[in-house]
Amino acid sequence: MEKILISIIIPTYNREHLIGNTLKSLVNQTYQNWECIVVDDGSTDNTKNIIESYRNNDNRFSFYKREILPKGASHCRNIGLSKAKGQFVVFLDSDDELLEFCLENRIKKSIQFPERDFYVFPMLVEKNGAVFEEKKIPVSENYLIEFLRYKLYWGIMCTFWDIQFLKKINGFNIHYPRLNDPEIHIRAMLESTNNFKVFNNEIPDSKYIKGETKDYSSLAKKYFETLQLFITDILNYLETYNKKELKFYLKSYLIVWLRHFLKFANPKDKHTLLSFFKKKRVINSTEFYLVKLYLWLDLKKNKIASKIKSLIIKNIEPNAK
C-alpha cells in the first residue's frame, strides 16, 4: 500500500496567513507516500516564503508559478496536474485541510474498490474557527442529476481521482470565474458512466474552511459571466453523451441566481440571463414569463410580493426523479 504515490495539488494566491495550516495537515498524515505540488497564481504577499520553508525541510513539496494567462485556481490546478507523478490526485484549496487519516483511508478504499475512475468522501465544514457541520453525502440513485440541479453534495477536496482518468477528461476548464467544481464533476460523471464510488457513511476526512464573502456585487458579476459559459458547455456535454433530456434540471442554476445574487446584479444582467436560459431552451415560455414576473415583483418590497416570489420558485424548481 505504501508504494502508491498520491499527488496533492494546491493552487494559492495571497494565503500567507492560511496556507501553513494546509501544508501542516499534509505533514501530519499517517500515510506518508505523497507529493505536494503548490502552484502560485501571482501572490504579492509572503506566500512563497511560507511554501519555501516547507520545501527546504521536506522534498515532497514542490513550488511552481503560473507564468501565462488566464489567472485562476483552475489553471493552477491543471499546471499541477501536468507535473503530478502519483497514481491518485487530491485537489486541495490553500485554506482547507486534510484530517490526519485522510490519505490512508482513501488508499485503503481504493484497494477495496479497485479500478474506479474516482472516489468521493464526506467533509467537515468550518466557519469562524469552529466546526459546525459534518457534510454528509446523501444517498442518491443519480448523482449526475443532483449536480445538474445544483445539489452539490461534495467539494473539490472530497474527490480522490485516478490520475489517468483525470488526464483523459483534460482536468479543469480554465476559463470559468466560478462553478469550476460542478463543471468538472458533471463532466467526470458523464464520462465515467457510474464507474465511481461515493462513500456516504464514512467519517469525514477533510475540512473545508468557509470564508466570508465581502464583495457580493463582484461575485454576482462573476456568476453571471460564468453561467453563460457553463450552461452552454453542459448542454453540449449532455448532447454528446445522449442525455439531452436532462437539460431542464439546469434551470436550478437560474434559481440560485434569483435567490442569492439578484439584488446585487444590474438590471441588464438580469434580463440578459433570463433571455439566455430561454434561448437555450432550459426554461420554457411559461417559466420565462413567470421569472419576468418574479423580476418585477422583486422591485416591490412588501409581504405579498415575497409570497408570490416563493410560489414562482416552487413552481419552476425541478425535482429529482
Protein backbone atom coordinates (compact mmCIF):
# COMPACT_ATOMS: atom_id res chain seq x y z
CA MET A 1 0.00 0.00 0.00
CA GLU A 2 2.80 2.45 0.86
CA LYS A 3 4.16 2.11 -2.69
CA ILE A 4 1.19 4.03 -4.10
CA LEU A 5 2.09 7.70 -4.63
CA ILE A 6 -0.59 10.34 -4.12
CA SER A 7 -0.26 13.78 -5.73
CA ILE A 8 -1.80 16.66 -3.79
CA ILE A 9 -2.27 19.79 -5.90
CA ILE A 10 -2.81 23.17 -4.25
CA PRO A 11 -3.46 26.44 -6.10
CA THR A 12 -2.75 29.52 -4.00
CA TYR A 13 -3.00 33.29 -4.08
CA ASN A 14 -2.06 35.60 -1.19
CA ARG A 15 -2.57 32.99 1.53
CA GLU A 16 0.44 33.59 3.79
CA HIS A 17 -1.88 33.65 6.82
CA LEU A 18 -3.59 30.34 6.00
CA ILE A 19 -1.53 28.04 3.80
CA GLY A 20 0.76 26.96 6.64
CA ASN A 21 -2.13 25.08 8.28
CA THR A 22 -2.94 23.41 4.97
CA LEU A 23 0.65 22.23 4.45
CA LYS A 24 0.95 21.13 8.07
CA SER A 25 -2.10 18.90 7.62
CA LEU A 26 -0.15 17.03 4.92
CA VAL A 27 2.97 16.59 7.04
CA ASN A 28 0.74 15.10 9.78
CA GLN A 29 -0.73 12.40 7.51
CA THR A 30 -0.45 8.80 8.72
CA TYR A 31 0.15 7.83 5.08
CA GLN A 32 3.48 9.29 4.01
CA ASN A 33 3.94 8.43 0.33
CA TRP A 34 2.70 11.65 -1.21
CA GLU A 35 3.93 14.66 -3.14
CA CYS A 36 2.53 18.16 -2.78
CA ILE A 37 2.54 20.48 -5.78
CA VAL A 38 1.78 24.11 -4.94
CA VAL A 39 1.07 26.44 -7.87
CA ASP A 40 1.05 30.16 -7.16
CA ASP A 41 -1.37 32.42 -9.03
CA GLY A 42 0.70 35.60 -8.73
CA SER A 43 0.79 36.25 -4.98
CA THR A 44 2.06 39.61 -3.77
CA ASP A 45 2.41 38.67 -0.10
CA ASN A 46 4.71 36.27 1.76
CA THR A 47 3.05 33.09 0.46
CA LYS A 48 6.12 31.96 -1.48
CA ASN A 49 8.38 32.15 1.58
CA ILE A 50 5.94 30.06 3.64
CA ILE A 51 5.96 27.35 0.98
CA GLU A 52 9.73 27.54 0.56
CA SER A 53 10.21 26.93 4.28
CA TYR A 54 8.31 23.66 3.96
CA ARG A 55 10.10 22.71 0.75
CA ASN A 56 13.52 23.27 2.34
CA ASN A 57 12.67 20.80 5.10
CA ASP A 58 10.72 18.25 3.04
CA ASN A 59 11.45 17.36 -0.58
CA ARG A 60 7.91 16.07 -1.05
CA PHE A 61 6.87 19.71 -1.54
CA SER A 62 7.37 21.48 -4.86
CA PHE A 63 6.52 25.01 -5.93
CA TYR A 64 5.60 26.46 -9.33
CA LYS A 65 4.30 29.78 -10.62
CA ARG A 66 1.61 30.27 -13.20
CA GLU A 67 3.51 32.02 -15.99
CA ILE A 68 0.76 32.53 -18.58
CA LEU A 69 -2.88 33.64 -18.55
CA PRO A 70 -5.62 33.07 -17.64
CA LYS A 71 -5.39 33.71 -13.95
CA GLY A 72 -7.34 31.43 -11.63
CA ALA A 73 -7.31 28.35 -9.44
CA SER A 74 -8.38 26.01 -12.24
CA HIS A 75 -5.45 26.96 -14.44
CA CYS A 76 -3.11 26.44 -11.50
CA ARG A 77 -4.66 23.02 -10.83
CA ASN A 78 -4.06 21.98 -14.43
CA ILE A 79 -0.44 23.12 -14.20
CA GLY A 80 -0.10 20.98 -11.09
CA LEU A 81 -1.71 18.05 -12.87
CA SER A 82 0.88 18.31 -15.66
CA LYS A 83 3.63 17.95 -13.02
CA ALA A 84 1.99 15.18 -10.98
CA LYS A 85 3.60 11.73 -10.76
CA GLY A 86 1.12 9.97 -8.48
CA GLN A 87 -1.39 7.25 -9.25
CA PHE A 88 -4.09 9.26 -7.49
CA VAL A 89 -4.74 13.00 -7.20
CA VAL A 90 -6.28 15.17 -4.49
CA PHE A 91 -7.05 18.84 -5.15
CA LEU A 92 -6.86 20.93 -2.01
CA ASP A 93 -7.53 24.64 -1.70
CA SER A 94 -4.92 26.63 0.16
CA ASP A 95 -7.18 27.37 3.13
CA ASP A 96 -8.51 23.83 3.61
CA GLU A 97 -7.09 20.82 5.43
CA LEU A 98 -6.92 17.04 5.32
CA LEU A 99 -7.51 15.20 8.58
CA GLU A 100 -4.52 13.07 9.56
CA PHE A 101 -6.06 9.75 8.47
CA CYS A 102 -7.35 11.07 5.13
CA LEU A 103 -4.82 9.68 2.66
CA GLU A 104 -4.52 6.34 4.44
CA ASN A 105 -8.28 5.97 4.44
CA ARG A 106 -8.58 6.81 0.75
CA ILE A 107 -5.85 4.42 -0.32
CA LYS A 108 -7.48 1.59 1.63
CA LYS A 109 -10.83 2.28 -0.03
CA SER A 110 -9.26 2.42 -3.49
CA ILE A 111 -7.75 -1.02 -2.86
CA GLN A 112 -11.05 -2.34 -1.53
CA PHE A 113 -12.92 -0.98 -4.59
CA PRO A 114 -10.29 -1.09 -7.36
CA GLU A 115 -10.24 0.45 -10.82
CA ARG A 116 -12.78 3.19 -10.22
CA ASP A 117 -12.37 6.50 -12.03
CA PHE A 118 -12.78 8.47 -8.83
CA TYR A 119 -13.90 8.13 -5.22
CA VAL A 120 -15.83 10.64 -3.10
CA PHE A 121 -15.61 11.13 0.68
CA PRO A 122 -17.53 13.36 3.15
CA MET A 123 -16.01 16.51 4.63
CA LEU A 124 -16.29 18.80 7.63
CA VAL A 125 -17.17 22.47 7.24
CA GLU A 126 -15.55 25.08 9.46
CA LYS A 127 -16.79 28.63 9.91
CA ASN A 128 -15.29 31.29 12.14
CA GLY A 129 -12.86 28.81 13.69
CA ALA A 130 -15.49 26.29 14.75
CA VAL A 131 -16.53 23.07 13.01
CA PHE A 132 -20.27 23.49 12.64
CA GLU A 133 -21.28 20.77 10.22
CA GLU A 134 -20.42 17.27 9.10
CA LYS A 135 -21.32 17.47 5.45
CA LYS A 136 -22.71 14.00 4.91
CA ILE A 137 -23.36 12.91 1.34
CA PRO A 138 -26.99 11.83 0.87
CA VAL A 139 -27.63 8.54 -0.88
CA SER A 140 -28.83 9.14 -4.42
CA GLU A 141 -29.65 6.91 -7.37
CA ASN A 142 -28.24 9.52 -9.74
CA TYR A 143 -25.58 11.99 -8.60
CA LEU A 144 -25.35 13.40 -12.10
CA ILE A 145 -28.90 14.70 -11.83
CA GLU A 146 -28.16 16.05 -8.36
CA PHE A 147 -25.28 18.15 -9.70
CA LEU A 148 -27.34 19.27 -12.70
CA ARG A 149 -29.96 20.59 -10.27
CA TYR A 150 -27.32 22.35 -8.15
CA LYS A 151 -27.33 19.82 -5.33
CA LEU A 152 -23.55 19.94 -4.85
CA TYR A 153 -23.07 17.29 -2.21
CA TRP A 154 -19.28 17.40 -2.11
CA GLY A 155 -16.42 19.85 -2.59
CA ILE A 156 -13.22 19.59 -4.57
CA MET A 157 -11.15 18.14 -1.70
CA CYS A 158 -13.65 15.30 -1.30
CA THR A 159 -12.72 13.62 -4.59
CA PHE A 160 -9.90 11.09 -4.93
CA TRP A 161 -9.08 10.94 -8.63
CA ASP A 162 -7.40 8.24 -10.67
CA ILE A 163 -4.82 10.35 -12.50
CA GLN A 164 -5.26 8.61 -15.85
CA PHE A 165 -8.99 9.28 -15.83
CA LEU A 166 -8.39 12.88 -14.78
CA LYS A 167 -6.00 13.41 -17.68
CA LYS A 168 -8.43 11.68 -20.01
CA ILE A 169 -11.06 14.34 -19.26
CA ASN A 170 -8.38 17.09 -19.54
CA GLY A 171 -8.62 18.35 -15.99
CA PHE A 172 -10.39 21.63 -15.31
CA ASN A 173 -11.93 24.18 -17.63
CA ILE A 174 -9.62 27.15 -17.04
CA HIS A 175 -11.96 29.85 -18.40
CA TYR A 176 -14.60 29.92 -15.64
CA PRO A 177 -14.54 32.58 -12.90
CA ARG A 178 -16.95 30.38 -10.88
CA LEU A 179 -18.61 26.92 -10.96
CA ASN A 180 -15.35 25.08 -11.63
CA ASP A 181 -16.14 22.24 -9.21
CA PRO A 182 -19.62 21.32 -10.51
CA GLU A 183 -18.40 21.54 -14.11
CA ILE A 184 -15.58 19.02 -13.70
CA HIS A 185 -17.74 16.67 -11.64
CA ILE A 186 -20.62 16.74 -14.14
CA ARG A 187 -18.18 16.09 -16.98
CA ALA A 188 -16.49 13.32 -14.99
CA MET A 189 -19.78 11.59 -14.19
CA LEU A 190 -20.83 11.70 -17.84
CA GLU A 191 -17.53 10.18 -18.96
CA SER A 192 -17.32 7.65 -16.13
CA THR A 193 -20.79 6.17 -16.67
CA ASN A 194 -21.16 5.22 -12.99
CA ASN A 195 -17.66 3.81 -12.57
CA PHE A 196 -17.11 5.87 -9.43
CA LYS A 197 -17.74 5.24 -5.74
CA VAL A 198 -19.38 7.58 -3.22
CA PHE A 199 -18.82 6.80 0.47
CA ASN A 200 -21.93 8.15 2.14
CA ASN A 201 -21.44 6.78 5.63
CA GLU A 202 -17.72 7.31 6.10
CA ILE A 203 -16.32 9.62 8.76
CA PRO A 204 -15.37 12.97 7.12
CA ASP A 205 -11.65 13.04 6.30
CA SER A 206 -11.16 16.64 5.14
CA LYS A 207 -12.12 20.10 6.34
CA TYR A 208 -13.46 22.89 4.20
CA ILE A 209 -12.82 26.34 5.67
CA LYS A 210 -15.79 28.52 4.76
CA GLY A 211 -14.70 32.09 4.13
CA GLU A 212 -16.77 35.24 4.39
CA THR A 213 -17.93 36.85 1.16
CA LYS A 214 -17.44 40.61 1.29
CA ASP A 215 -17.98 41.80 -2.28
CA TYR A 216 -21.30 40.34 -3.37
CA SER A 217 -21.59 42.64 -6.39
CA SER A 218 -18.35 41.27 -7.81
CA LEU A 219 -19.43 37.72 -7.02
CA ALA A 220 -22.79 38.27 -8.74
CA LYS A 221 -21.00 39.55 -11.85
CA LYS A 222 -18.65 36.57 -11.94
CA TYR A 223 -21.57 34.16 -11.51
CA PHE A 224 -23.46 35.92 -14.30
CA GLU A 225 -20.47 35.67 -16.65
CA THR A 226 -19.78 32.06 -15.76
CA LEU A 227 -23.36 30.83 -16.10
CA GLN A 228 -23.48 31.56 -19.81
CA LEU A 229 -20.27 29.60 -20.43
CA PHE A 230 -21.21 26.83 -18.01
CA ILE A 231 -24.75 26.23 -19.30
CA THR A 232 -23.57 26.22 -22.92
CA ASP A 233 -20.82 23.68 -22.16
CA ILE A 234 -23.02 21.40 -20.05
CA LEU A 235 -25.70 21.35 -22.75
CA ASN A 236 -23.04 20.33 -25.27
CA TYR A 237 -21.80 17.57 -22.94
CA LEU A 238 -25.35 16.27 -22.44
CA GLU A 239 -25.85 16.14 -26.20
CA THR A 240 -22.50 14.39 -26.71
CA TYR A 241 -23.43 11.71 -24.17
CA ASN A 242 -27.03 11.37 -25.43
CA LYS A 243 -28.57 12.81 -22.28
CA LYS A 244 -30.27 15.93 -23.68
CA GLU A 245 -33.44 15.03 -21.79
CA LEU A 246 -31.71 16.06 -18.56
CA LYS A 247 -31.16 19.67 -19.58
CA PHE A 248 -34.25 21.03 -17.81
CA TYR A 249 -32.58 20.31 -14.45
CA LEU A 250 -30.14 23.12 -15.24
CA LYS A 251 -32.84 25.70 -14.52
CA SER A 252 -31.79 25.26 -10.88
CA TYR A 253 -28.73 27.38 -11.64
CA LEU A 254 -31.03 30.22 -12.67
CA ILE A 255 -32.96 29.77 -9.44
CA VAL A 256 -29.73 30.04 -7.43
CA TRP A 257 -29.05 33.30 -9.23
CA LEU A 258 -32.52 34.59 -8.37
CA ARG A 259 -32.25 33.60 -4.72
CA HIS A 260 -28.72 34.71 -3.91
CA PHE A 261 -27.44 37.21 -6.45
CA LEU A 262 -30.42 39.10 -7.83
CA LYS A 263 -30.23 42.11 -5.52
CA PHE A 264 -26.54 42.60 -6.32
CA ALA A 265 -26.91 42.39 -10.11
CA ASN A 266 -27.52 45.23 -12.52
CA PRO A 267 -30.87 45.28 -14.43
CA LYS A 268 -29.31 44.49 -17.80
CA ASP A 269 -27.64 41.31 -16.49
CA LYS A 270 -30.94 40.11 -15.01
CA HIS A 271 -32.79 40.23 -18.31
CA THR A 272 -29.81 39.03 -20.34
CA LEU A 273 -29.54 35.91 -18.21
CA LEU A 274 -33.26 35.20 -18.34
CA SER A 275 -33.28 35.50 -22.14
CA PHE A 276 -30.22 33.27 -22.33
CA PHE A 277 -31.93 30.44 -20.42
CA LYS A 278 -34.98 30.79 -22.69
CA LYS A 279 -32.84 30.80 -25.86
CA LYS A 280 -31.04 27.63 -24.71
CA ARG A 281 -34.45 26.02 -24.01
CA VAL A 282 -33.57 25.25 -20.44
CA ILE A 283 -36.76 27.07 -19.42
CA ASN A 284 -39.98 27.13 -21.44
CA SER A 285 -42.15 30.13 -22.34
CA THR A 286 -44.35 29.82 -19.26
CA GLU A 287 -41.32 29.72 -16.97
CA PHE A 288 -39.79 32.65 -18.84
CA TYR A 289 -42.79 34.86 -18.12
CA LEU A 290 -43.02 33.63 -14.55
CA VAL A 291 -39.44 34.74 -13.96
CA LYS A 292 -40.19 38.08 -15.65
CA LEU A 293 -42.98 38.44 -13.12
CA TYR A 294 -40.51 37.47 -10.41
CA LEU A 295 -38.15 40.25 -11.52
CA TRP A 296 -41.00 42.76 -11.44
CA LEU A 297 -42.12 41.62 -8.00
CA ASP A 298 -38.56 41.95 -6.79
CA LEU A 299 -38.96 45.70 -7.14
CA LYS A 300 -41.94 45.58 -4.78
CA LYS A 301 -40.85 45.44 -1.18
CA ASN A 302 -43.92 44.01 0.53
CA LYS A 303 -45.04 40.73 2.05
CA ILE A 304 -47.46 39.81 -0.75
CA ALA A 305 -44.73 40.17 -3.38
CA SER A 306 -42.39 37.97 -1.33
CA LYS A 307 -45.02 35.24 -1.02
CA ILE A 308 -45.74 35.28 -4.75
CA LYS A 309 -42.00 35.12 -5.49
CA SER A 310 -41.72 31.99 -3.32
CA LEU A 311 -44.62 30.38 -5.20
CA ILE A 312 -42.97 31.15 -8.54
CA ILE A 313 -39.72 29.47 -7.46
CA LYS A 314 -41.62 26.45 -6.18
CA ASN A 315 -43.47 26.18 -9.47
CA ILE A 316 -40.38 26.09 -11.70
CA GLU A 317 -37.83 24.35 -9.48
CA PRO A 318 -37.01 20.85 -10.81
CA ASN A 319 -37.22 17.82 -8.56
CA ALA A 320 -35.05 14.74 -8.76
CA LYS A 321 -36.57 11.72 -10.48
